[in-house]
Amino acid sequence: METDLYMKAIGIGMTVAVSCMILSRCGRDDQGSLVSLAGVVTLLLLLFGEIGSLFDALRDIFGI
């Protein structure tokens, strides 16, 4: 994986963490949960291409 992908994941994680803290201090825990769920979905979509290339490499290695 490239360092660019790491930086994107770190940026999304930090943004989600700060947003959840702000929302929980304002008493909006339900919206904080939705923000964290959206962050997880965003990271999964970001990593989806890398996971696909990992499975392709495993298929090539094992000849499946």
N, C-alpha and C. Protein backbone atom coordinates (compact mmCIF):
# COMPACT_ATOMS: atom_id res chain seq x y z
N MET A 1 0.83 -1.19 0.00
CA MET A 1 0.00 0.00 0.00
C MET A 1 0.87 1.24 0.00
N GLU A 2 0.39 2.23 -0.64
CA GLU A 2 1.13 3.47 -0.73
C GLU A 2 0.92 4.31 0.53
N THR A 3 1.84 5.21 0.77
CA THR A 3 1.69 6.09 1.93
C THR A 3 0.54 7.06 1.75
N ASP A 4 0.18 7.34 0.50
CA ASP A 4 -0.95 8.23 0.23
C ASP A 4 -2.25 7.65 0.81
N LEU A 5 -2.41 6.35 0.66
CA LEU A 5 -3.60 5.69 1.19
C LEU A 5 -3.61 5.72 2.71
N TYR A 6 -2.43 5.54 3.33
CA TYR A 6 -2.34 5.64 4.78
C TYR A 6 -2.74 7.02 5.26
N MET A 7 -2.26 8.05 4.57
CA MET A 7 -2.57 9.42 4.97
C MET A 7 -4.05 9.73 4.83
N LYS A 8 -4.68 9.22 3.78
CA LYS A 8 -6.12 9.41 3.62
C LYS A 8 -6.89 8.75 4.76
N ALA A 9 -6.49 7.52 5.12
CA ALA A 9 -7.16 6.81 6.19
C ALA A 9 -6.97 7.52 7.53
N ILE A 10 -5.77 8.02 7.78
CA ILE A 10 -5.50 8.75 9.02
C ILE A 10 -6.32 10.03 9.07
N GLY A 11 -6.40 10.73 7.95
CA GLY A 11 -7.18 11.97 7.90
C GLY A 11 -8.65 11.74 8.15
N ILE A 12 -9.20 10.70 7.54
CA ILE A 12 -10.60 10.38 7.76
C ILE A 12 -10.84 9.98 9.21
N GLY A 13 -9.94 9.18 9.76
CA GLY A 13 -10.09 8.75 11.16
C GLY A 13 -10.03 9.91 12.13
N MET A 14 -9.11 10.84 11.91
CA MET A 14 -9.00 11.99 12.81
C MET A 14 -10.22 12.90 12.69
N THR A 15 -10.70 13.10 11.48
CA THR A 15 -11.89 13.92 11.27
C THR A 15 -13.12 13.32 11.94
N VAL A 16 -13.27 12.02 11.80
CA VAL A 16 -14.41 11.34 12.42
C VAL A 16 -14.30 11.39 13.95
N ALA A 17 -13.10 11.18 14.47
CA ALA A 17 -12.92 11.20 15.93
C ALA A 17 -13.24 12.57 16.51
N VAL A 18 -12.75 13.62 15.88
CA VAL A 18 -13.02 14.98 16.38
C VAL A 18 -14.51 15.30 16.26
N SER A 19 -15.12 14.91 15.15
CA SER A 19 -16.54 15.16 14.97
C SER A 19 -17.38 14.43 16.01
N CYS A 20 -17.01 13.20 16.31
CA CYS A 20 -17.75 12.44 17.32
C CYS A 20 -17.59 13.06 18.70
N MET A 21 -16.40 13.53 19.03
CA MET A 21 -16.19 14.18 20.33
C MET A 21 -17.02 15.45 20.45
N ILE A 22 -17.02 16.25 19.40
CA ILE A 22 -17.79 17.50 19.44
C ILE A 22 -19.28 17.20 19.57
N LEU A 23 -19.76 16.23 18.81
CA LEU A 23 -21.18 15.90 18.87
C LEU A 23 -21.58 15.30 20.21
N SER A 24 -20.71 14.52 20.81
CA SER A 24 -21.06 13.92 22.10
C SER A 24 -21.06 14.98 23.21
N ARG A 25 -20.18 15.96 23.12
CA ARG A 25 -20.19 17.05 24.12
C ARG A 25 -21.41 17.96 23.97
N CYS A 26 -21.96 18.01 22.77
CA CYS A 26 -23.17 18.81 22.55
C CYS A 26 -24.43 18.02 22.88
N GLY A 27 -24.26 16.76 23.28
CA GLY A 27 -25.41 15.94 23.64
C GLY A 27 -26.08 15.27 22.45
N ARG A 28 -25.39 15.17 21.35
CA ARG A 28 -25.96 14.54 20.15
C ARG A 28 -25.24 13.23 19.86
N ASP A 29 -25.38 12.30 20.78
CA ASP A 29 -24.68 11.01 20.65
C ASP A 29 -25.17 10.20 19.46
N ASP A 30 -26.46 10.32 19.14
CA ASP A 30 -26.99 9.56 18.01
C ASP A 30 -26.37 10.02 16.70
N GLN A 31 -26.17 11.32 16.55
CA GLN A 31 -25.53 11.81 15.33
C GLN A 31 -24.05 11.45 15.31
N GLY A 32 -23.42 11.38 16.49
CA GLY A 32 -22.04 10.93 16.57
C GLY A 32 -21.88 9.49 16.11
N SER A 33 -22.86 8.66 16.44
CA SER A 33 -22.84 7.27 15.98
C SER A 33 -22.96 7.19 14.47
N LEU A 34 -23.80 8.03 13.91
CA LEU A 34 -23.95 8.04 12.45
C LEU A 34 -22.68 8.53 11.76
N VAL A 35 -22.01 9.50 12.36
CA VAL A 35 -20.75 9.99 11.79
C VAL A 35 -19.69 8.90 11.82
N SER A 36 -19.62 8.16 12.92
CA SER A 36 -18.62 7.08 13.00
C SER A 36 -18.95 5.96 12.02
N LEU A 37 -20.21 5.66 11.84
CA LEU A 37 -20.61 4.65 10.86
C LEU A 37 -20.27 5.11 9.44
N ALA A 38 -20.51 6.38 9.15
CA ALA A 38 -20.16 6.91 7.83
C ALA A 38 -18.65 6.87 7.61
N GLY A 39 -17.86 7.10 8.67
CA GLY A 39 -16.41 7.01 8.56
C GLY A 39 -15.94 5.61 8.24
N VAL A 40 -16.55 4.63 8.89
CA VAL A 40 -16.19 3.23 8.63
C VAL A 40 -16.53 2.84 7.19
N VAL A 41 -17.71 3.24 6.74
CA VAL A 41 -18.11 2.93 5.37
C VAL A 41 -17.19 3.60 4.36
N THR A 42 -16.80 4.85 4.63
CA THR A 42 -15.90 5.57 3.74
C THR A 42 -14.54 4.88 3.66
N LEU A 43 -14.02 4.43 4.81
CA LEU A 43 -12.74 3.73 4.80
C LEU A 43 -12.83 2.40 4.07
N LEU A 44 -13.93 1.69 4.24
CA LEU A 44 -14.09 0.43 3.52
C LEU A 44 -14.14 0.66 2.01
N LEU A 45 -14.83 1.70 1.58
CA LEU A 45 -14.87 2.01 0.15
C LEU A 45 -13.50 2.42 -0.36
N LEU A 46 -12.74 3.12 0.48
CA LEU A 46 -11.39 3.53 0.11
C LEU A 46 -10.47 2.32 -0.04
N LEU A 47 -10.62 1.36 0.83
CA LEU A 47 -9.75 0.19 0.82
C LEU A 47 -10.26 -0.94 -0.08
N PHE A 48 -11.44 -0.80 -0.63
CA PHE A 48 -12.05 -1.87 -1.42
C PHE A 48 -11.18 -2.26 -2.62
N GLY A 49 -10.61 -1.28 -3.30
CA GLY A 49 -9.74 -1.58 -4.45
C GLY A 49 -8.48 -2.32 -4.03
N GLU A 50 -7.91 -1.95 -2.90
CA GLU A 50 -6.71 -2.64 -2.41
C GLU A 50 -7.01 -4.07 -2.00
N ILE A 51 -8.16 -4.29 -1.42
CA ILE A 51 -8.55 -5.65 -1.03
C ILE A 51 -8.74 -6.51 -2.27
N GLY A 52 -9.32 -5.93 -3.33
CA GLY A 52 -9.49 -6.66 -4.59
C GLY A 52 -8.17 -7.05 -5.21
N SER A 53 -7.20 -6.14 -5.18
CA SER A 53 -5.89 -6.47 -5.75
C SER A 53 -5.17 -7.51 -4.90
N LEU A 54 -5.42 -7.52 -3.59
CA LEU A 54 -4.85 -8.55 -2.73
C LEU A 54 -5.38 -9.92 -3.11
N PHE A 55 -6.70 -10.03 -3.33
CA PHE A 55 -7.27 -11.32 -3.73
C PHE A 55 -6.78 -11.75 -5.10
N ASP A 56 -6.59 -10.80 -6.02
CA ASP A 56 -6.04 -11.13 -7.33
C ASP A 56 -4.63 -11.68 -7.21
N ALA A 57 -3.83 -11.08 -6.35
CA ALA A 57 -2.46 -11.56 -6.15
C ALA A 57 -2.46 -12.96 -5.54
N LEU A 58 -3.36 -13.20 -4.59
CA LEU A 58 -3.45 -14.54 -4.00
C LEU A 58 -3.89 -15.57 -5.02
N ARG A 59 -4.82 -15.22 -5.91
CA ARG A 59 -5.23 -16.14 -6.95
C ARG A 59 -4.07 -16.47 -7.88
N ASP A 60 -3.28 -15.46 -8.21
CA ASP A 60 -2.13 -15.69 -9.09
C ASP A 60 -1.08 -16.57 -8.41
N ILE A 61 -0.87 -16.37 -7.12
CA ILE A 61 0.13 -17.15 -6.40
C ILE A 61 -0.28 -18.61 -6.31
N PHE A 62 -1.52 -18.87 -5.98
CA PHE A 62 -1.98 -20.24 -5.78
C PHE A 62 -2.58 -20.85 -7.04
N GLY A 63 -2.67 -20.10 -8.13
CA GLY A 63 -3.14 -20.64 -9.39
C GLY A 63 -4.60 -21.02 -9.39
N ILE A 64 -5.41 -20.27 -8.72
CA ILE A 64 -6.85 -20.58 -8.64
C ILE A 64 -7.56 -19.92 -9.80
